[in-house]
């Protein structure tokens, strides 16, 4: 454990930020899965919009890098396009 007061505070802040980031990343995975599962249903477009919105928000907040956000959106769109063509 650190002896310096500012480092003790920084360690506490890191714990809070880590939990927040973990929750955001978990929500990204959940929204992506929901968007893929909603293909062919009436709420397909809303699920896709929600997933893309969350990915953009995570990139804006700095939870994920903007290039990773672009890759996630691209991959999601590819998965949806292939699923639509198969169905």
Protein backbone atom coordinates (compact mmCIF):
# COMPACT_ATOMS: atom_id res chain seq x y z
CA UNK A 1 0.00 0.00 0.00
CA UNK A 2 1.19 3.50 -0.78
CA UNK A 3 2.29 5.86 1.98
CA UNK A 4 1.71 9.04 -0.01
CA UNK A 5 -1.66 10.64 0.57
CA UNK A 6 -2.24 11.62 -3.07
CA UNK A 7 -1.41 8.09 -4.25
CA UNK A 8 -3.86 6.57 -1.75
CA UNK A 9 -6.56 8.86 -3.13
CA UNK A 10 -5.56 7.99 -6.72
CA UNK A 11 -5.81 4.27 -5.93
CA UNK A 12 -9.36 4.77 -4.61
CA UNK A 13 -10.29 6.73 -7.74
CA UNK A 14 -8.86 3.98 -9.95
CA UNK A 15 -11.05 1.39 -8.25
CA UNK A 16 -14.18 3.46 -8.90
CA UNK A 17 -13.19 4.12 -12.52
CA UNK A 18 -12.40 0.45 -13.11
CA UNK A 19 -15.85 -0.60 -11.86
CA UNK A 20 -17.53 2.04 -14.02
CA UNK A 21 -15.56 1.02 -17.11
CA UNK A 22 -16.34 -2.64 -16.48
CA UNK A 23 -20.06 -1.85 -16.32
CA UNK A 24 -19.90 0.15 -19.56
CA UNK A 25 -18.03 -2.62 -21.41
CA UNK A 26 -20.50 -5.19 -20.13
CA UNK A 27 -23.37 -3.09 -21.40
CA UNK A 28 -21.67 -2.83 -24.81
CA UNK A 29 -21.55 -6.60 -25.07
CA UNK A 30 -25.17 -6.92 -23.94
CA UNK A 31 -26.45 -4.31 -26.41
CA UNK A 32 -24.49 -5.94 -29.24
CA UNK A 33 -25.96 -9.35 -28.42
CA UNK A 34 -29.45 -7.85 -28.23
CA UNK A 35 -29.00 -6.16 -31.61
CA UNK A 36 -27.96 -9.43 -33.25
CA UNK A 37 -30.77 -11.34 -31.54
CA UNK A 38 -33.35 -8.77 -32.68
CA UNK A 39 -32.74 -9.42 -36.39
CA UNK A 40 -36.04 -10.06 -38.13
CA UNK A 41 -38.18 -8.64 -35.34
CA UNK A 42 -40.05 -5.37 -35.14
CA UNK A 43 -37.54 -3.78 -32.73
CA UNK A 44 -34.52 -4.59 -34.90
CA UNK A 45 -33.74 -0.98 -35.76
CA UNK A 46 -34.11 0.31 -32.20
CA UNK A 47 -31.81 -2.40 -30.84
CA UNK A 48 -29.19 -1.57 -33.48
CA UNK A 49 -29.44 2.16 -32.75
CA UNK A 50 -29.09 1.52 -29.02
CA UNK A 51 -25.98 -0.59 -29.55
CA UNK A 52 -24.34 1.98 -31.81
CA UNK A 53 -25.26 4.79 -29.43
CA UNK A 54 -23.65 2.99 -26.48
CA UNK A 55 -20.50 2.26 -28.50
CA UNK A 56 -20.23 5.94 -29.46
CA UNK A 57 -20.82 7.04 -25.87
CA UNK A 58 -18.13 4.68 -24.57
CA UNK A 59 -15.67 6.11 -27.09
CA UNK A 60 -16.63 9.68 -26.18
CA UNK A 61 -16.11 8.97 -22.47
CA UNK A 62 -12.74 7.36 -23.13
CA UNK A 63 -13.73 3.88 -21.98
CA UNK A 64 -12.71 2.49 -25.37
CA UNK A 65 -10.57 4.03 -28.10
CA UNK A 66 -12.36 5.69 -31.02
CA UNK A 67 -10.77 3.24 -33.47
CA UNK A 68 -11.98 0.31 -31.38
CA UNK A 69 -15.46 1.86 -31.43
CA UNK A 70 -15.30 2.07 -35.23
CA UNK A 71 -14.18 -1.57 -35.40
CA UNK A 72 -16.98 -2.68 -33.09
CA UNK A 73 -19.61 -0.83 -35.15
CA UNK A 74 -18.20 -2.23 -38.38
CA UNK A 75 -18.18 -5.76 -37.01
CA UNK A 76 -21.72 -5.39 -35.71
CA UNK A 77 -22.98 -4.19 -39.08
CA UNK A 78 -21.22 -7.09 -40.83
CA UNK A 79 -22.79 -9.61 -38.42
CA UNK A 80 -26.24 -8.15 -39.01
CA UNK A 81 -25.77 -8.06 -42.80
CA UNK A 82 -24.68 -11.71 -42.95
CA UNK A 83 -27.51 -12.77 -40.63
CA UNK A 84 -30.04 -10.93 -42.80
CA UNK A 85 -28.69 -12.51 -45.98
CA UNK A 86 -28.83 -15.99 -44.45
CA UNK A 87 -32.41 -15.53 -43.28
